[in-house]
């Protein structure tokens, strides 16, 4: 399984094309864009890791539903 932070790389052909592999993308969402933070220090934690809650977007680019479950963990 290839896990990448950039889902455009495999879709644009920048990774080797292989039928026997899985491509999975995971990328953090910027907290101030996707959720409301009641405390000022969390509101200005633009890249998270200090005070804001962190969400992650995940996508299976190539593979089976079972592969998605593996990538999710």
C-alpha atoms as a PDB file:
ATOM      1  CA  UNK A   1       0.000   0.000   0.000  1.00  0.00           C
ATOM      2  CA  UNK A   2       1.281   3.413  -0.973  1.00  0.00           C
ATOM      3  CA  UNK A   3       0.019   6.135   1.354  1.00  0.00           C
ATOM      4  CA  UNK A   4       0.420   9.662   0.096  1.00  0.00           C
ATOM      5  CA  UNK A   5      -0.467  13.123   1.370  1.00  0.00           C
ATOM      6  CA  UNK A   6      -0.985  14.297  -2.196  1.00  0.00           C
ATOM      7  CA  UNK A   7      -3.893  12.593  -3.970  1.00  0.00           C
ATOM      8  CA  UNK A   8      -3.045  14.366  -7.212  1.00  0.00           C
ATOM      9  CA  UNK A   9       0.298  12.567  -7.610  1.00  0.00           C
ATOM     10  CA  UNK A  10      -1.094   9.088  -8.400  1.00  0.00           C
ATOM     11  CA  UNK A  11      -4.028  10.545 -10.367  1.00  0.00           C
ATOM     12  CA  UNK A  12      -1.613  12.575 -12.506  1.00  0.00           C
ATOM     13  CA  UNK A  13       0.578   9.545 -13.210  1.00  0.00           C
ATOM     14  CA  UNK A  14       3.517  10.555 -10.990  1.00  0.00           C
ATOM     15  CA  UNK A  15       3.619   7.183  -9.230  1.00  0.00           C
ATOM     16  CA  UNK A  16       4.341   3.836 -10.888  1.00  0.00           C
ATOM     17  CA  UNK A  17       1.295   2.212 -12.481  1.00  0.00           C
ATOM     18  CA  UNK A  18       0.843  -1.193 -10.886  1.00  0.00           C
ATOM     19  CA  UNK A  19      -2.200  -3.432 -10.844  1.00  0.00           C
ATOM     20  CA  UNK A  20      -0.988  -5.294  -7.746  1.00  0.00           C
ATOM     21  CA  UNK A  21      -0.875  -2.280  -5.431  1.00  0.00           C
ATOM     22  CA  UNK A  22      -3.105   0.019  -3.475  1.00  0.00           C
ATOM     23  CA  UNK A  23      -2.982   3.813  -3.466  1.00  0.00           C
ATOM     24  CA  UNK A  24      -4.457   5.579  -0.452  1.00  0.00           C
ATOM     25  CA  UNK A  25      -4.417   9.307   0.276  1.00  0.00           C
ATOM     26  CA  UNK A  26      -4.770  10.979   3.658  1.00  0.00           C
ATOM     27  CA  UNK A  27      -4.524  14.717   4.204  1.00  0.00           C
ATOM     28  CA  UNK A  28      -5.209  16.917   7.239  1.00  0.00           C
ATOM     29  CA  UNK A  29      -7.903  19.569   6.956  1.00  0.00           C
ATOM     30  CA  UNK A  30      -7.125  23.064   8.123  1.00  0.00           C
ATOM     31  CA  UNK A  31      -9.214  23.542  11.299  1.00  0.00           C
ATOM     32  CA  UNK A  32     -10.222  27.169  10.821  1.00  0.00           C
ATOM     33  CA  UNK A  33     -11.765  26.347   7.459  1.00  0.00           C
ATOM     34  CA  UNK A  34     -13.841  23.310   8.443  1.00  0.00           C
ATOM     35  CA  UNK A  35     -14.857  23.756  12.077  1.00  0.00           C
ATOM     36  CA  UNK A  36     -15.647  26.479  14.571  1.00  0.00           C
ATOM     37  CA  UNK A  37     -13.366  26.720  17.575  1.00  0.00           C
ATOM     38  CA  UNK A  38     -14.750  28.540  20.637  1.00  0.00           C
ATOM     39  CA  UNK A  39     -11.355  29.458  22.131  1.00  0.00           C
ATOM     40  CA  UNK A  40      -9.219  32.126  20.481  1.00  0.00           C
ATOM     41  CA  UNK A  41      -5.971  30.127  20.569  1.00  0.00           C
ATOM     42  CA  UNK A  42      -7.716  27.211  18.847  1.00  0.00           C
ATOM     43  CA  UNK A  43      -9.361  29.514  16.290  1.00  0.00           C
ATOM     44  CA  UNK A  44      -5.962  30.831  15.196  1.00  0.00           C
ATOM     45  CA  UNK A  45      -4.323  27.391  15.152  1.00  0.00           C
ATOM     46  CA  UNK A  46      -4.427  27.361  11.331  1.00  0.00           C
ATOM     47  CA  UNK A  47      -2.466  24.165  10.809  1.00  0.00           C
ATOM     48  CA  UNK A  48      -3.554  22.386  14.002  1.00  0.00           C
ATOM     49  CA  UNK A  49      -1.416  20.462  16.396  1.00  0.00           C
ATOM     50  CA  UNK A  50      -1.558  23.083  19.139  1.00  0.00           C
ATOM     51  CA  UNK A  51      -5.143  23.727  20.251  1.00  0.00           C
ATOM     52  CA  UNK A  52      -7.613  23.052  17.426  1.00  0.00           C
ATOM     53  CA  UNK A  53      -9.351  19.779  16.602  1.00  0.00           C
ATOM     54  CA  UNK A  54      -7.851  18.062  13.582  1.00  0.00           C
ATOM     55  CA  UNK A  55      -9.868  16.388  10.826  1.00  0.00           C
ATOM     56  CA  UNK A  56      -8.377  14.165   8.152  1.00  0.00           C
ATOM     57  CA  UNK A  57      -9.685  13.540   4.653  1.00  0.00           C
ATOM     58  CA  UNK A  58      -9.072   9.996   3.391  1.00  0.00           C
ATOM     59  CA  UNK A  59      -9.521   8.536  -0.084  1.00  0.00           C
ATOM     60  CA  UNK A  60      -8.925   5.195  -1.715  1.00  0.00           C
ATOM     61  CA  UNK A  61      -7.463   5.932  -5.130  1.00  0.00           C
ATOM     62  CA  UNK A  62      -6.856   2.352  -6.216  1.00  0.00           C
ATOM     63  CA  UNK A  63      -7.732  -0.865  -4.428  1.00  0.00           C
ATOM     64  CA  UNK A  64     -10.575  -2.689  -2.729  1.00  0.00           C
ATOM     65  CA  UNK A  65     -12.888  -1.742   0.127  1.00  0.00           C
ATOM     66  CA  UNK A  66     -10.799  -4.020   2.340  1.00  0.00           C
ATOM     67  CA  UNK A  67      -7.752  -1.940   1.411  1.00  0.00           C
ATOM     68  CA  UNK A  68      -9.613   1.209   2.490  1.00  0.00           C
ATOM     69  CA  UNK A  69     -10.164  -0.303   5.939  1.00  0.00           C
ATOM     70  CA  UNK A  70      -6.424  -1.018   6.203  1.00  0.00           C
ATOM     71  CA  UNK A  71      -5.501   2.510   5.140  1.00  0.00           C
ATOM     72  CA  UNK A  72      -8.011   3.997   7.540  1.00  0.00           C
ATOM     73  CA  UNK A  73      -6.176   2.474  10.489  1.00  0.00           C
END
